């Protein structure tokens, strides 16, 4: 079941998704996909927590975790299957569930992209768009993806149950 999103949430999700895809494609076009490029990207990502703007390595995953908790409780109330598991097994509408996660994390992804552009311009004096896309997804969407299901299970353990349309729990 996809969330009922406002027009603004849909627009933000579309912008976030479009920017991640565009940044990834432009990065691949400009810098290629060689082993040297991947080595530089992952070395750069590993060195970032010690550099400027380190707070985003805490801020973005925490924001994603809060959103995952909210949506996990919503899943428990609605009786939908755990998020990541439903994406892997294809139970339910996989595309709707994935887009639901993108809608939920769109602001965090956009914040991540902006912060990474600023970081790169300060630290590298240049911009690697593919790297910005990878970092934004790693810090914003991946924690959400991994935590929404466990939060849904915790909510069920704590007694949050879904109610069916006929009034029975």
N, C-alpha and C. Protein backbone atom coordinates (compact mmCIF):
# COMPACT_ATOMS: atom_id res chain seq x y z
N UNK A 1 0.84 -1.18 0.00
CA UNK A 1 0.00 0.00 0.00
C UNK A 1 0.88 1.24 0.00
N UNK A 2 0.80 2.03 -1.00
CA UNK A 2 1.58 3.26 -1.08
C UNK A 2 0.94 4.32 -0.20
N UNK A 3 1.78 5.16 0.36
CA UNK A 3 1.26 6.23 1.22
C UNK A 3 0.49 7.22 0.37
N UNK A 4 -0.47 7.88 1.00
CA UNK A 4 -1.13 8.96 0.29
C UNK A 4 -0.27 10.19 0.52
N UNK A 5 0.37 10.62 -0.52
CA UNK A 5 1.34 11.71 -0.43
C UNK A 5 0.72 13.01 -0.96
N UNK A 6 1.20 14.09 -0.40
CA UNK A 6 0.77 15.39 -0.89
C UNK A 6 1.46 15.67 -2.22
N UNK A 7 0.98 16.64 -2.90
CA UNK A 7 1.57 17.03 -4.19
C UNK A 7 3.04 17.44 -4.00
N UNK A 8 3.32 18.17 -2.92
CA UNK A 8 4.69 18.62 -2.63
C UNK A 8 5.60 17.43 -2.36
N UNK A 9 5.13 16.44 -1.61
CA UNK A 9 5.94 15.25 -1.35
C UNK A 9 6.26 14.50 -2.64
N UNK A 10 5.28 14.40 -3.51
CA UNK A 10 5.51 13.73 -4.80
C UNK A 10 6.53 14.48 -5.64
N UNK A 11 6.41 15.80 -5.67
CA UNK A 11 7.36 16.61 -6.44
C UNK A 11 8.77 16.48 -5.87
N UNK A 12 8.90 16.54 -4.55
CA UNK A 12 10.22 16.38 -3.92
C UNK A 12 10.80 15.00 -4.22
N UNK A 13 9.97 13.97 -4.18
CA UNK A 13 10.44 12.62 -4.49
C UNK A 13 10.91 12.52 -5.93
N UNK A 14 10.16 13.11 -6.83
CA UNK A 14 10.55 13.08 -8.24
C UNK A 14 11.85 13.85 -8.47
N UNK A 15 12.00 14.99 -7.81
CA UNK A 15 13.23 15.77 -7.94
C UNK A 15 14.42 14.99 -7.37
N UNK A 16 14.24 14.41 -6.19
CA UNK A 16 15.32 13.64 -5.56
C UNK A 16 15.73 12.47 -6.44
N UNK A 17 14.76 11.72 -6.92
CA UNK A 17 15.06 10.57 -7.77
C UNK A 17 15.73 11.01 -9.08
N UNK A 18 15.22 12.06 -9.68
CA UNK A 18 15.80 12.56 -10.93
C UNK A 18 17.24 13.03 -10.71
N UNK A 19 17.49 13.77 -9.62
CA UNK A 19 18.84 14.25 -9.37
C UNK A 19 19.82 13.11 -9.10
N UNK A 20 19.40 12.11 -8.35
CA UNK A 20 20.29 10.96 -8.10
C UNK A 20 20.63 10.27 -9.40
N UNK A 21 19.64 10.03 -10.24
CA UNK A 21 19.87 9.37 -11.52
C UNK A 21 20.75 10.24 -12.42
N UNK A 22 20.45 11.52 -12.52
CA UNK A 22 21.23 12.43 -13.37
C UNK A 22 22.67 12.52 -12.87
N UNK A 23 22.85 12.70 -11.56
CA UNK A 23 24.21 12.77 -11.00
C UNK A 23 24.98 11.49 -11.29
N UNK A 24 24.33 10.34 -11.13
CA UNK A 24 25.01 9.07 -11.38
C UNK A 24 25.40 8.93 -12.85
N UNK A 25 24.49 9.29 -13.75
CA UNK A 25 24.79 9.18 -15.19
C UNK A 25 25.87 10.17 -15.62
N UNK A 26 25.77 11.41 -15.14
CA UNK A 26 26.78 12.41 -15.49
C UNK A 26 28.14 12.00 -14.92
N UNK A 27 28.16 11.49 -13.69
CA UNK A 27 29.40 11.03 -13.09
C UNK A 27 30.02 9.89 -13.88
N UNK A 28 29.19 8.94 -14.31
CA UNK A 28 29.69 7.82 -15.11
C UNK A 28 30.20 8.31 -16.46
N UNK A 29 29.51 9.27 -17.05
CA UNK A 29 29.94 9.80 -18.34
C UNK A 29 31.25 10.58 -18.22
N UNK A 30 31.36 11.43 -17.21
CA UNK A 30 32.56 12.26 -17.05
C UNK A 30 33.78 11.49 -16.58
N UNK A 31 33.57 10.54 -15.66
CA UNK A 31 34.70 9.89 -15.02
C UNK A 31 34.82 8.41 -15.32
N UNK A 32 33.81 7.84 -15.96
CA UNK A 32 33.84 6.43 -16.30
C UNK A 32 33.50 5.55 -15.11
N UNK A 33 33.63 4.25 -15.33
CA UNK A 33 33.31 3.28 -14.29
C UNK A 33 34.47 2.31 -14.08
N UNK A 34 35.69 2.76 -14.29
CA UNK A 34 36.85 1.88 -14.17
C UNK A 34 37.12 1.54 -12.71
N UNK A 35 37.99 0.57 -12.49
CA UNK A 35 38.38 0.17 -11.14
C UNK A 35 39.06 1.33 -10.41
N UNK A 36 39.83 2.13 -11.14
CA UNK A 36 40.49 3.29 -10.52
C UNK A 36 39.46 4.31 -10.02
N UNK A 37 38.41 4.53 -10.78
CA UNK A 37 37.37 5.47 -10.37
C UNK A 37 36.67 4.95 -9.12
N UNK A 38 36.30 3.67 -9.11
CA UNK A 38 35.63 3.10 -7.95
C UNK A 38 36.54 3.14 -6.73
N UNK A 39 37.83 2.89 -6.93
CA UNK A 39 38.80 2.97 -5.83
C UNK A 39 38.84 4.38 -5.25
N UNK A 40 38.91 5.40 -6.12
CA UNK A 40 38.92 6.79 -5.66
C UNK A 40 37.63 7.14 -4.93
N UNK A 41 36.50 6.70 -5.47
CA UNK A 41 35.20 7.01 -4.87
C UNK A 41 35.13 6.42 -3.46
N UNK A 42 35.44 5.13 -3.32
CA UNK A 42 35.30 4.50 -2.01
C UNK A 42 36.38 4.96 -1.02
N UNK A 43 37.55 5.29 -1.50
CA UNK A 43 38.58 5.86 -0.63
C UNK A 43 38.13 7.24 -0.14
N UNK A 44 37.57 8.01 -1.05
CA UNK A 44 37.07 9.34 -0.69
C UNK A 44 35.94 9.24 0.32
N UNK A 45 35.03 8.31 0.13
CA UNK A 45 33.91 8.14 1.05
C UNK A 45 34.42 7.69 2.42
N UNK A 46 35.39 6.81 2.45
CA UNK A 46 35.93 6.32 3.72
C UNK A 46 36.65 7.43 4.49
N UNK A 47 37.23 8.41 3.77
CA UNK A 47 37.95 9.50 4.43
C UNK A 47 37.04 10.63 4.88
N UNK A 48 35.82 10.68 4.40
CA UNK A 48 34.92 11.80 4.69
C UNK A 48 34.54 11.98 6.15
N UNK A 49 34.31 10.92 6.91
CA UNK A 49 33.90 11.15 8.31
C UNK A 49 34.93 11.94 9.13
N UNK A 50 36.17 12.00 8.71
CA UNK A 50 37.16 12.76 9.45
C UNK A 50 37.33 14.18 8.95
N UNK A 51 36.66 14.52 7.87
CA UNK A 51 36.85 15.83 7.27
C UNK A 51 35.77 16.82 7.68
N UNK A 52 35.66 17.91 6.94
CA UNK A 52 34.62 18.90 7.24
C UNK A 52 33.22 18.31 7.03
N UNK A 53 32.27 18.88 7.71
CA UNK A 53 30.86 18.47 7.61
C UNK A 53 30.62 17.03 8.08
N UNK A 54 31.39 16.59 9.06
CA UNK A 54 31.26 15.24 9.59
C UNK A 54 29.87 15.00 10.18
N UNK A 55 29.24 16.04 10.70
CA UNK A 55 27.94 15.90 11.34
C UNK A 55 26.90 15.25 10.44
N UNK A 56 27.07 15.34 9.13
CA UNK A 56 26.06 14.76 8.24
C UNK A 56 26.08 13.25 8.27
N UNK A 57 27.22 12.65 8.70
CA UNK A 57 27.29 11.20 8.81
C UNK A 57 26.49 10.70 10.00
N UNK A 58 26.09 11.61 10.86
CA UNK A 58 25.20 11.29 11.97
C UNK A 58 23.79 11.79 11.63
N UNK A 59 23.71 13.03 11.16
CA UNK A 59 22.43 13.68 10.90
C UNK A 59 21.57 12.92 9.89
N UNK A 60 22.11 12.60 8.73
CA UNK A 60 21.31 11.97 7.69
C UNK A 60 20.82 10.57 8.08
N UNK A 61 21.69 9.68 8.60
CA UNK A 61 21.16 8.37 9.02
C UNK A 61 20.15 8.47 10.17
N UNK A 62 20.35 9.41 11.09
CA UNK A 62 19.38 9.57 12.18
C UNK A 62 18.04 10.04 11.62
N UNK A 63 18.06 10.98 10.70
CA UNK A 63 16.81 11.43 10.07
C UNK A 63 16.13 10.28 9.33
N UNK A 64 16.92 9.47 8.63
CA UNK A 64 16.37 8.32 7.92
C UNK A 64 15.79 7.31 8.90
N UNK A 65 16.46 7.11 10.06
CA UNK A 65 15.96 6.18 11.07
C UNK A 65 14.64 6.67 11.66
N UNK A 66 14.53 7.96 11.91
CA UNK A 66 13.27 8.51 12.43
C UNK A 66 12.14 8.28 11.43
N UNK A 67 12.42 8.54 10.16
CA UNK A 67 11.40 8.31 9.13
C UNK A 67 11.06 6.83 9.03
N UNK A 68 12.06 5.96 9.16
CA UNK A 68 11.83 4.51 9.13
C UNK A 68 10.96 4.08 10.30
N UNK A 69 11.19 4.67 11.48
CA UNK A 69 10.38 4.32 12.65
C UNK A 69 8.93 4.73 12.44
N UNK A 70 8.72 5.92 11.94
CA UNK A 70 7.35 6.40 11.69
C UNK A 70 6.65 5.49 10.69
N UNK A 71 7.34 5.18 9.59
CA UNK A 71 6.71 4.34 8.57
C UNK A 71 6.60 2.89 9.01
N UNK A 72 7.53 2.43 9.86
CA UNK A 72 7.44 1.07 10.40
C UNK A 72 6.21 0.90 11.27
N UNK A 73 5.93 1.90 12.11
CA UNK A 73 4.72 1.86 12.93
C UNK A 73 3.49 1.91 12.03
N UNK A 74 3.54 2.73 11.01
CA UNK A 74 2.42 2.81 10.05
C UNK A 74 2.20 1.45 9.38
N UNK A 75 3.30 0.77 9.03
CA UNK A 75 3.19 -0.57 8.43
C UNK A 75 2.55 -1.56 9.41
N UNK A 76 2.96 -1.49 10.69
CA UNK A 76 2.39 -2.39 11.70
C UNK A 76 0.89 -2.15 11.84
N UNK A 77 0.49 -0.89 11.83
CA UNK A 77 -0.94 -0.56 11.96
C UNK A 77 -1.75 -1.00 10.75
N UNK A 78 -1.13 -0.91 9.57
CA UNK A 78 -1.87 -1.27 8.35
C UNK A 78 -1.74 -2.75 8.00
N UNK A 79 -0.85 -3.46 8.69
CA UNK A 79 -0.69 -4.89 8.43
C UNK A 79 0.12 -5.21 7.19
N UNK A 80 0.88 -4.26 6.68
CA UNK A 80 1.70 -4.54 5.50
C UNK A 80 2.95 -5.31 5.91
N UNK A 81 3.50 -6.09 5.01
CA UNK A 81 4.69 -6.88 5.34
C UNK A 81 5.91 -5.98 5.55
N UNK A 82 6.94 -6.50 6.22
CA UNK A 82 8.15 -5.72 6.44
C UNK A 82 8.68 -5.16 5.11
N UNK A 83 9.16 -3.92 5.17
CA UNK A 83 9.50 -3.15 3.97
C UNK A 83 10.56 -3.83 3.11
N UNK A 84 11.74 -4.05 3.64
CA UNK A 84 12.84 -4.61 2.84
C UNK A 84 12.46 -5.99 2.32
N UNK A 85 11.84 -6.80 3.18
CA UNK A 85 11.47 -8.13 2.78
C UNK A 85 10.46 -8.11 1.63
N UNK A 86 9.54 -7.17 1.67
CA UNK A 86 8.55 -7.09 0.59
C UNK A 86 9.20 -6.63 -0.72
N UNK A 87 10.27 -5.84 -0.62
CA UNK A 87 10.99 -5.44 -1.84
C UNK A 87 11.77 -6.62 -2.43
N UNK A 88 12.37 -7.43 -1.56
CA UNK A 88 13.18 -8.56 -2.01
C UNK A 88 12.31 -9.67 -2.59
N UNK A 89 11.23 -10.01 -1.88
CA UNK A 89 10.40 -11.13 -2.32
C UNK A 89 9.36 -10.73 -3.35
N UNK A 90 9.10 -9.46 -3.46
CA UNK A 90 8.12 -9.00 -4.44
C UNK A 90 6.70 -9.13 -3.96
N UNK A 91 6.52 -9.41 -2.65
CA UNK A 91 5.15 -9.49 -2.15
C UNK A 91 4.55 -8.09 -2.15
N UNK A 92 3.35 -8.00 -2.59
CA UNK A 92 2.72 -6.68 -2.70
C UNK A 92 3.20 -5.97 -3.96
N UNK A 93 2.94 -4.71 -4.02
CA UNK A 93 3.34 -3.90 -5.17
C UNK A 93 4.74 -3.36 -4.92
N UNK A 94 5.75 -4.04 -5.44
CA UNK A 94 7.15 -3.69 -5.20
C UNK A 94 7.46 -2.25 -5.61
N UNK A 95 7.01 -1.83 -6.76
CA UNK A 95 7.29 -0.48 -7.23
C UNK A 95 6.64 0.56 -6.33
N UNK A 96 5.40 0.30 -5.92
CA UNK A 96 4.72 1.24 -5.01
C UNK A 96 5.45 1.33 -3.68
N UNK A 97 5.90 0.20 -3.16
CA UNK A 97 6.61 0.19 -1.88
C UNK A 97 7.94 0.94 -2.00
N UNK A 98 8.66 0.72 -3.09
CA UNK A 98 9.94 1.41 -3.29
C UNK A 98 9.71 2.91 -3.40
N UNK A 99 8.72 3.30 -4.17
CA UNK A 99 8.43 4.73 -4.33
C UNK A 99 7.96 5.34 -3.01
N UNK A 100 7.28 4.55 -2.19
CA UNK A 100 6.87 5.01 -0.86
C UNK A 100 8.11 5.38 -0.04
N UNK A 101 9.15 4.56 -0.12
CA UNK A 101 10.40 4.86 0.58
C UNK A 101 11.09 6.09 0.02
N UNK A 102 11.03 6.27 -1.27
CA UNK A 102 11.64 7.45 -1.89
C UNK A 102 10.88 8.70 -1.47
N UNK A 103 9.56 8.61 -1.42
CA UNK A 103 8.77 9.75 -0.96
C UNK A 103 9.15 10.10 0.47
N UNK A 104 9.29 9.08 1.31
CA UNK A 104 9.60 9.32 2.72
C UNK A 104 10.98 9.95 2.91
N UNK A 105 11.94 9.55 2.10
CA UNK A 105 13.33 10.01 2.29
C UNK A 105 13.74 11.12 1.33
N UNK A 106 12.84 11.62 0.54
CA UNK A 106 13.21 12.61 -0.49
C UNK A 106 13.91 13.83 0.08
N UNK A 107 13.40 14.37 1.16
CA UNK A 107 14.03 15.56 1.75
C UNK A 107 15.43 15.25 2.27
N UNK A 108 15.59 14.08 2.87
CA UNK A 108 16.91 13.70 3.39
C UNK A 108 17.89 13.48 2.23
N UNK A 109 17.41 12.88 1.15
CA UNK A 109 18.26 12.67 -0.03
C UNK A 109 18.66 14.02 -0.63
N UNK A 110 17.70 14.92 -0.77
CA UNK A 110 18.02 16.25 -1.31
C UNK A 110 19.00 16.99 -0.40
N UNK A 111 18.79 16.92 0.89
CA UNK A 111 19.73 17.52 1.84
C UNK A 111 21.11 16.90 1.68
N UNK A 112 21.16 15.59 1.52
CA UNK A 112 22.43 14.91 1.33
C UNK A 112 23.15 15.34 0.06
N UNK A 113 22.40 15.51 -1.01
CA UNK A 113 23.01 15.97 -2.26
C UNK A 113 23.59 17.37 -2.10
N UNK A 114 22.82 18.26 -1.48
CA UNK A 114 23.29 19.64 -1.28
C UNK A 114 24.53 19.65 -0.40
N UNK A 115 24.49 18.88 0.69
CA UNK A 115 25.63 18.84 1.60
C UNK A 115 26.87 18.24 0.94
N UNK A 116 26.68 17.24 0.10
CA UNK A 116 27.83 16.64 -0.55
C UNK A 116 28.42 17.55 -1.61
N UNK A 117 27.58 18.27 -2.33
CA UNK A 117 28.10 19.25 -3.29
C UNK A 117 28.94 20.29 -2.55
N UNK A 118 28.42 20.79 -1.44
CA UNK A 118 29.18 21.77 -0.65
C UNK A 118 30.48 21.17 -0.14
N UNK A 119 30.42 19.95 0.37
CA UNK A 119 31.63 19.28 0.86
C UNK A 119 32.68 19.15 -0.24
N UNK A 120 32.25 18.67 -1.40
CA UNK A 120 33.20 18.47 -2.50
C UNK A 120 33.82 19.78 -2.95
N UNK A 121 33.03 20.82 -3.04
CA UNK A 121 33.57 22.11 -3.47
C UNK A 121 34.56 22.66 -2.44
N UNK A 122 34.29 22.45 -1.15
CA UNK A 122 35.20 22.91 -0.10
C UNK A 122 36.46 22.05 -0.07
N UNK A 123 36.29 20.74 -0.08
CA UNK A 123 37.39 19.82 0.14
C UNK A 123 38.19 19.53 -1.13
N UNK A 124 37.51 19.28 -2.24
CA UNK A 124 38.19 18.87 -3.48
C UNK A 124 38.37 20.00 -4.47
N UNK A 125 37.65 21.09 -4.28
CA UNK A 125 37.65 22.21 -5.23
C UNK A 125 37.13 21.79 -6.60
N UNK A 126 36.38 20.71 -6.65
CA UNK A 126 35.75 20.22 -7.87
C UNK A 126 34.51 19.45 -7.46
N UNK A 127 33.75 18.95 -8.44
CA UNK A 127 32.50 18.26 -8.16
C UNK A 127 32.46 16.93 -8.90
N UNK A 128 32.23 15.85 -8.16
CA UNK A 128 32.05 14.52 -8.72
C UNK A 128 30.58 14.13 -8.52
N UNK A 129 29.75 14.30 -9.54
CA UNK A 129 28.31 14.08 -9.36
C UNK A 129 27.95 12.64 -8.99
N UNK A 130 28.63 11.67 -9.56
CA UNK A 130 28.33 10.27 -9.23
C UNK A 130 28.61 9.98 -7.77
N UNK A 131 29.66 10.53 -7.25
CA UNK A 131 30.03 10.35 -5.85
C UNK A 131 28.97 10.98 -4.94
N UNK A 132 28.46 12.13 -5.31
CA UNK A 132 27.41 12.77 -4.52
C UNK A 132 26.16 11.90 -4.47
N UNK A 133 25.82 11.29 -5.60
CA UNK A 133 24.65 10.40 -5.64
C UNK A 133 24.86 9.19 -4.74
N UNK A 134 26.04 8.60 -4.79
CA UNK A 134 26.33 7.43 -3.97
C UNK A 134 26.25 7.78 -2.48
N UNK A 135 26.87 8.88 -2.09
CA UNK A 135 26.88 9.28 -0.68
C UNK A 135 25.47 9.59 -0.19
N UNK A 136 24.69 10.29 -0.98
CA UNK A 136 23.32 10.64 -0.57
C UNK A 136 22.48 9.39 -0.37
N UNK A 137 22.60 8.44 -1.28
CA UNK A 137 21.83 7.20 -1.15
C UNK A 137 22.33 6.37 0.03
N UNK A 138 23.64 6.29 0.22
CA UNK A 138 24.20 5.53 1.35
C UNK A 138 23.80 6.10 2.70
N UNK A 139 23.76 7.41 2.81
CA UNK A 139 23.47 8.03 4.10
C UNK A 139 21.99 8.24 4.37
N UNK A 140 21.17 8.30 3.32
CA UNK A 140 19.76 8.60 3.52
C UNK A 140 18.85 7.42 3.25
N UNK A 141 18.98 6.78 2.10
CA UNK A 141 18.02 5.74 1.74
C UNK A 141 18.38 4.38 2.32
N UNK A 142 19.65 4.03 2.34
CA UNK A 142 20.05 2.70 2.84
C UNK A 142 19.66 2.50 4.31
N UNK A 143 19.93 3.46 5.21
CA UNK A 143 19.47 3.25 6.58
C UNK A 143 17.95 3.09 6.69
N UNK A 144 17.22 3.87 5.92
CA UNK A 144 15.77 3.75 5.89
C UNK A 144 15.36 2.35 5.43
N UNK A 145 15.97 1.90 4.35
CA UNK A 145 15.69 0.59 3.78
C UNK A 145 15.93 -0.52 4.80
N UNK A 146 17.03 -0.43 5.53
CA UNK A 146 17.40 -1.47 6.48
C UNK A 146 16.62 -1.40 7.80
N UNK A 147 16.13 -0.23 8.18
CA UNK A 147 15.52 -0.06 9.50
C UNK A 147 13.99 -0.09 9.52
N UNK A 148 13.35 0.17 8.40
CA UNK A 148 11.89 0.25 8.42
C UNK A 148 11.24 -1.07 8.82
N UNK A 149 11.74 -2.17 8.31
CA UNK A 149 11.19 -3.49 8.67
C UNK A 149 11.39 -3.82 10.14
N UNK A 150 12.62 -3.67 10.68
CA UNK A 150 12.79 -3.93 12.12
C UNK A 150 11.93 -3.03 13.00
N UNK A 151 11.74 -1.77 12.62
CA UNK A 151 10.86 -0.91 13.39
C UNK A 151 9.41 -1.39 13.32
N UNK A 152 9.03 -1.92 12.18
CA UNK A 152 7.67 -2.48 12.04
C UNK A 152 7.52 -3.68 12.96
N UNK A 153 8.52 -4.55 13.02
CA UNK A 153 8.47 -5.71 13.90
C UNK A 153 8.43 -5.29 15.37
N UNK A 154 9.25 -4.30 15.73
CA UNK A 154 9.24 -3.79 17.11
C UNK A 154 7.87 -3.23 17.48
N UNK A 155 7.27 -2.51 16.56
CA UNK A 155 5.94 -1.95 16.82
C UNK A 155 4.94 -3.06 17.09
N UNK A 156 5.03 -4.14 16.33
CA UNK A 156 4.12 -5.27 16.56
C UNK A 156 4.39 -5.93 17.90
N UNK A 157 5.68 -6.05 18.27
CA UNK A 157 6.03 -6.62 19.58
C UNK A 157 5.50 -5.76 20.72
N UNK A 158 5.48 -4.45 20.52
CA UNK A 158 5.00 -3.52 21.54
C UNK A 158 3.48 -3.39 21.54
N UNK A 159 2.83 -4.17 20.70
CA UNK A 159 1.37 -4.21 20.75
C UNK A 159 0.65 -3.38 19.73
N UNK A 160 1.36 -2.77 18.80
CA UNK A 160 0.68 -2.03 17.74
C UNK A 160 0.14 -3.06 16.76
N UNK A 161 -1.16 -3.11 16.64
CA UNK A 161 -1.77 -4.09 15.75
C UNK A 161 -2.56 -3.37 14.67
N UNK A 162 -2.74 -4.07 13.60
CA UNK A 162 -3.53 -3.45 12.54
C UNK A 162 -4.99 -3.80 12.76
N UNK A 163 -5.82 -2.90 12.37
CA UNK A 163 -7.26 -3.14 12.47
C UNK A 163 -7.81 -3.29 11.07
N UNK A 164 -8.60 -4.31 10.91
CA UNK A 164 -9.20 -4.55 9.59
C UNK A 164 -10.40 -3.62 9.42
N UNK A 165 -10.95 -3.61 8.24
CA UNK A 165 -12.05 -2.69 7.94
C UNK A 165 -13.33 -3.07 8.70
N UNK A 166 -13.45 -4.34 9.11
CA UNK A 166 -14.66 -4.72 9.83
C UNK A 166 -14.57 -4.48 11.34
N UNK A 167 -13.47 -3.86 11.78
CA UNK A 167 -13.36 -3.46 13.19
C UNK A 167 -12.62 -4.46 14.04
N UNK A 168 -12.26 -5.63 13.50
CA UNK A 168 -11.53 -6.63 14.27
C UNK A 168 -10.04 -6.39 14.11
N UNK A 169 -9.30 -6.65 15.18
CA UNK A 169 -7.84 -6.47 15.14
C UNK A 169 -7.16 -7.74 14.71
